[in-house]
C-alpha atoms as a PDB file:
ATOM      1  CA  UNK A   1       0.000   0.000   0.000  1.00  0.00           C
ATOM      2  CA  UNK A   2       1.579   3.239  -1.130  1.00  0.00           C
ATOM      3  CA  UNK A   3       2.109   6.334   0.924  1.00  0.00           C
ATOM      4  CA  UNK A   4      -0.233   8.201  -1.438  1.00  0.00           C
ATOM      5  CA  UNK A   5      -3.012   5.700  -0.722  1.00  0.00           C
ATOM      6  CA  UNK A   6      -2.452   6.059   3.032  1.00  0.00           C
ATOM      7  CA  UNK A   7      -2.647   9.833   2.681  1.00  0.00           C
ATOM      8  CA  UNK A   8      -5.877   9.457   0.698  1.00  0.00           C
ATOM      9  CA  UNK A   9      -7.341   7.332   3.510  1.00  0.00           C
ATOM     10  CA  UNK A  10      -6.394   9.954   6.087  1.00  0.00           C
ATOM     11  CA  UNK A  11      -7.792  12.831   4.037  1.00  0.00           C
ATOM     12  CA  UNK A  12     -11.058  10.991   3.357  1.00  0.00           C
ATOM     13  CA  UNK A  13     -11.397  10.114   7.047  1.00  0.00           C
ATOM     14  CA  UNK A  14     -10.834  13.725   8.057  1.00  0.00           C
ATOM     15  CA  UNK A  15     -13.411  14.794   5.473  1.00  0.00           C
ATOM     16  CA  UNK A  16     -15.927  12.347   6.971  1.00  0.00           C
ATOM     17  CA  UNK A  17     -15.226  13.704  10.474  1.00  0.00           C
ATOM     18  CA  UNK A  18     -15.725  17.274   9.254  1.00  0.00           C
ATOM     19  CA  UNK A  19     -18.968  16.460   7.388  1.00  0.00           C
ATOM     20  CA  UNK A  20     -20.483  14.627  10.359  1.00  0.00           C
ATOM     21  CA  UNK A  21     -19.584  17.410  12.797  1.00  0.00           C
ATOM     22  CA  UNK A  22     -21.119  19.950  10.427  1.00  0.00           C
ATOM     23  CA  UNK A  23     -24.330  17.924  10.123  1.00  0.00           C
ATOM     24  CA  UNK A  24     -24.548  17.550  13.917  1.00  0.00           C
ATOM     25  CA  UNK A  25     -24.113  21.289  14.437  1.00  0.00           C
ATOM     26  CA  UNK A  26     -26.908  21.983  11.948  1.00  0.00           C
ATOM     27  CA  UNK A  27     -29.088  19.389  13.706  1.00  0.00           C
ATOM     28  CA  UNK A  28     -29.410  17.362  10.511  1.00  0.00           C
ATOM     29  CA  UNK A  29     -28.015  14.179  12.103  1.00  0.00           C
ATOM     30  CA  UNK A  30     -28.371  12.956  15.646  1.00  0.00           C
ATOM     31  CA  UNK A  31     -25.306  12.092  17.651  1.00  0.00           C
ATOM     32  CA  UNK A  32     -26.494   8.493  17.928  1.00  0.00           C
ATOM     33  CA  UNK A  33     -26.702   8.123  14.132  1.00  0.00           C
ATOM     34  CA  UNK A  34     -23.340   9.753  13.624  1.00  0.00           C
ATOM     35  CA  UNK A  35     -21.571   7.211  15.853  1.00  0.00           C
ATOM     36  CA  UNK A  36     -21.329   4.770  12.961  1.00  0.00           C
ATOM     37  CA  UNK A  37     -19.681   7.366  10.738  1.00  0.00           C
ATOM     38  CA  UNK A  38     -17.190   8.377  13.437  1.00  0.00           C
ATOM     39  CA  UNK A  39     -16.189   4.753  13.955  1.00  0.00           C
ATOM     40  CA  UNK A  40     -15.952   4.210  10.205  1.00  0.00           C
ATOM     41  CA  UNK A  41     -13.732   7.262   9.798  1.00  0.00           C
ATOM     42  CA  UNK A  42     -11.648   6.150  12.765  1.00  0.00           C
ATOM     43  CA  UNK A  43     -11.085   2.759  11.130  1.00  0.00           C
ATOM     44  CA  UNK A  44      -9.890   4.528   7.970  1.00  0.00           C
ATOM     45  CA  UNK A  45      -7.529   6.671  10.035  1.00  0.00           C
ATOM     46  CA  UNK A  46      -6.135   3.573  11.737  1.00  0.00           C
ATOM     47  CA  UNK A  47      -5.569   1.869   8.390  1.00  0.00           C
ATOM     48  CA  UNK A  48      -3.923   5.002   7.031  1.00  0.00           C
ATOM     49  CA  UNK A  49      -1.619   5.567   9.995  1.00  0.00           C
ATOM     50  CA  UNK A  50      -0.842   1.931  10.796  1.00  0.00           C
ATOM     51  CA  UNK A  51      -0.286   0.548   7.322  1.00  0.00           C
ATOM     52  CA  UNK A  52       0.429  -2.907   8.750  1.00  0.00           C
ATOM     53  CA  UNK A  53      -3.276  -3.404   9.518  1.00  0.00           C
ATOM     54  CA  UNK A  54      -4.377  -3.722   5.865  1.00  0.00           C
ATOM     55  CA  UNK A  55      -1.316  -5.896   5.122  1.00  0.00           C
ATOM     56  CA  UNK A  56      -2.208  -8.189   8.027  1.00  0.00           C
ATOM     57  CA  UNK A  57      -5.860  -8.635   7.039  1.00  0.00           C
ATOM     58  CA  UNK A  58      -5.020  -8.926   3.339  1.00  0.00           C
ATOM     59  CA  UNK A  59      -2.705 -11.804   4.242  1.00  0.00           C
ATOM     60  CA  UNK A  60      -5.340 -13.484   6.424  1.00  0.00           C
ATOM     61  CA  UNK A  61      -8.050 -13.268   3.745  1.00  0.00           C
ATOM     62  CA  UNK A  62      -5.689 -14.137   0.889  1.00  0.00           C
ATOM     63  CA  UNK A  63      -6.054 -10.779  -0.853  1.00  0.00           C
ATOM     64  CA  UNK A  64      -3.013  -9.904  -2.954  1.00  0.00           C
ATOM     65  CA  UNK A  65      -3.038  -6.150  -2.396  1.00  0.00           C
ATOM     66  CA  UNK A  66      -3.728  -4.308   0.845  1.00  0.00           C
ATOM     67  CA  UNK A  67      -5.445  -1.597  -1.203  1.00  0.00           C
ATOM     68  CA  UNK A  68      -7.890  -4.224  -2.472  1.00  0.00           C
ATOM     69  CA  UNK A  69      -8.559  -5.214   1.136  1.00  0.00           C
ATOM     70  CA  UNK A  70      -9.328  -1.590   2.021  1.00  0.00           C
ATOM     71  CA  UNK A  71     -11.745  -1.334  -0.904  1.00  0.00           C
ATOM     72  CA  UNK A  72     -13.415  -4.624   0.054  1.00  0.00           C
ATOM     73  CA  UNK A  73     -13.618  -3.467   3.681  1.00  0.00           C
ATOM     74  CA  UNK A  74     -15.261  -0.165   2.739  1.00  0.00           C
ATOM     75  CA  UNK A  75     -17.728  -1.881   0.394  1.00  0.00           C
ATOM     76  CA  UNK A  76     -18.635  -4.525   2.996  1.00  0.00           C
ATOM     77  CA  UNK A  77     -19.129  -1.988   5.792  1.00  0.00           C
ATOM     78  CA  UNK A  78     -21.279   0.284   3.622  1.00  0.00           C
ATOM     79  CA  UNK A  79     -23.404  -2.619   2.381  1.00  0.00           C
ATOM     80  CA  UNK A  80     -23.949  -3.694   5.982  1.00  0.00           C
ATOM     81  CA  UNK A  81     -24.896  -0.132   6.932  1.00  0.00           C
ATOM     82  CA  UNK A  82     -27.317   0.064   3.994  1.00  0.00           C
ATOM     83  CA  UNK A  83     -28.965  -3.168   5.114  1.00  0.00           C
ATOM     84  CA  UNK A  84     -29.538  -1.857   8.639  1.00  0.00           C
ATOM     85  CA  UNK A  85     -30.801   1.449   7.231  1.00  0.00           C
ATOM     86  CA  UNK A  86     -33.270  -0.469   5.062  1.00  0.00           C
ATOM     87  CA  UNK A  87     -34.500  -2.423   8.091  1.00  0.00           C
ATOM     88  CA  UNK A  88     -34.946   0.808  10.058  1.00  0.00           C
ATOM     89  CA  UNK A  89     -36.798   2.486   7.176  1.00  0.00           C
ATOM     90  CA  UNK A  90     -39.100  -0.534   6.855  1.00  0.00           C
ATOM     91  CA  UNK A  91     -39.921  -0.373  10.555  1.00  0.00           C
ATOM     92  CA  UNK A  92     -40.595   3.366  10.333  1.00  0.00           C
ATOM     93  CA  UNK A  93     -42.873   2.872   7.316  1.00  0.00           C
ATOM     94  CA  UNK A  94     -44.817   0.199   9.199  1.00  0.00           C
ATOM     95  CA  UNK A  95     -45.155   2.592  12.132  1.00  0.00           C
ATOM     96  CA  UNK A  96     -46.389   5.401   9.888  1.00  0.00           C
ATOM     97  CA  UNK A  97     -48.859   3.037   8.220  1.00  0.00           C
ATOM     98  CA  UNK A  98     -50.172   1.954  11.636  1.00  0.00           C
ATOM     99  CA  UNK A  99     -50.525   5.564  12.790  1.00  0.00           C
ATOM    100  CA  UNK A 100     -52.341   6.500   9.579  1.00  0.00           C
ATOM    101  CA  UNK A 101     -54.753   3.610  10.067  1.00  0.00           C
ATOM    102  CA  UNK A 102     -55.415   4.581  13.682  1.00  0.00           C
ATOM    103  CA  UNK A 103     -56.077   8.171  12.679  1.00  0.00           C
ATOM    104  CA  UNK A 104     -58.412   7.043   9.895  1.00  0.00           C
ATOM    105  CA  UNK A 105     -60.355   4.902  12.376  1.00  0.00           C
ATOM    106  CA  UNK A 106     -60.577   7.782  14.853  1.00  0.00           C
ATOM    107  CA  UNK A 107     -61.823  10.083  12.106  1.00  0.00           C
ATOM    108  CA  UNK A 108     -64.406   7.512  11.029  1.00  0.00           C
ATOM    109  CA  UNK A 109     -65.650   7.106  14.617  1.00  0.00           C
ATOM    110  CA  UNK A 110     -65.919  10.884  15.095  1.00  0.00           C
ATOM    111  CA  UNK A 111     -67.767  11.293  11.793  1.00  0.00           C
ATOM    112  CA  UNK A 112     -70.196   8.473  12.605  1.00  0.00           C
ATOM    113  CA  UNK A 113     -70.836   9.994  16.050  1.00  0.00           C
ATOM    114  CA  UNK A 114     -71.487  13.366  14.390  1.00  0.00           C
ATOM    115  CA  UNK A 115     -73.949  11.728  11.984  1.00  0.00           C
ATOM    116  CA  UNK A 116     -75.725  10.020  14.878  1.00  0.00           C
ATOM    117  CA  UNK A 117     -76.000  13.328  16.728  1.00  0.00           C
ATOM    118  CA  UNK A 118     -77.313  15.035  13.607  1.00  0.00           C
ATOM    119  CA  UNK A 119     -79.956  12.331  13.130  1.00  0.00           C
ATOM    120  CA  UNK A 120     -81.025  12.702  16.759  1.00  0.00           C
ATOM    121  CA  UNK A 121     -81.405  16.457  16.341  1.00  0.00           C
ATOM    122  CA  UNK A 122     -83.463  16.067  13.149  1.00  0.00           C
ATOM    123  CA  UNK A 123     -85.832  13.402  14.443  1.00  0.00           C
ATOM    124  CA  UNK A 124     -88.998  14.467  16.319  1.00  0.00           C
ATOM    125  CA  UNK A 125     -88.697  13.887  19.996  1.00  0.00           C
ATOM    126  CA  UNK A 126     -91.400  12.926  22.444  1.00  0.00           C
ATOM    127  CA  UNK A 127     -90.309  15.501  24.953  1.00  0.00           C
ATOM    128  CA  UNK A 128     -92.304  18.298  26.565  1.00  0.00           C
ATOM    129  CA  UNK A 129     -92.418  20.369  23.378  1.00  0.00           C
ATOM    130  CA  UNK A 130     -94.274  17.682  21.437  1.00  0.00           C
ATOM    131  CA  UNK A 131     -96.943  17.445  24.125  1.00  0.00           C
ATOM    132  CA  UNK A 132     -97.512  21.208  24.163  1.00  0.00           C
ATOM    133  CA  UNK A 133     -98.858  21.155  20.628  1.00  0.00           C
ATOM    134  CA  UNK A 134    -101.713  18.784  21.595  1.00  0.00           C
END
């Protein structure tokens, strides 16, 4: 792994740190959600500073080039993150669908109660007023 590639890892990690901090300050990302990105950037920094790490894992996994290991690592981590994001989005959609259904049922109940009240008001009653006319 060349020195240029290590420098690219460090620069990209610093860029990720900067972007996440900026998004947190603007309240566009919660601190909890940004934890993943901080850890991801930290792993890139570690691989950039300690160049033996990619060599070690490339040797373990039988990858010829440490740079190829770094690319495979980044792709695998981002695919895993996308999977968990998809699961979270699916759960949120199910929650929104459930809330929409509850609200629709509440609206239907209120409308049916309003119709019942309107029918009661329109129908002749056998109260004191109806006896006065006789």
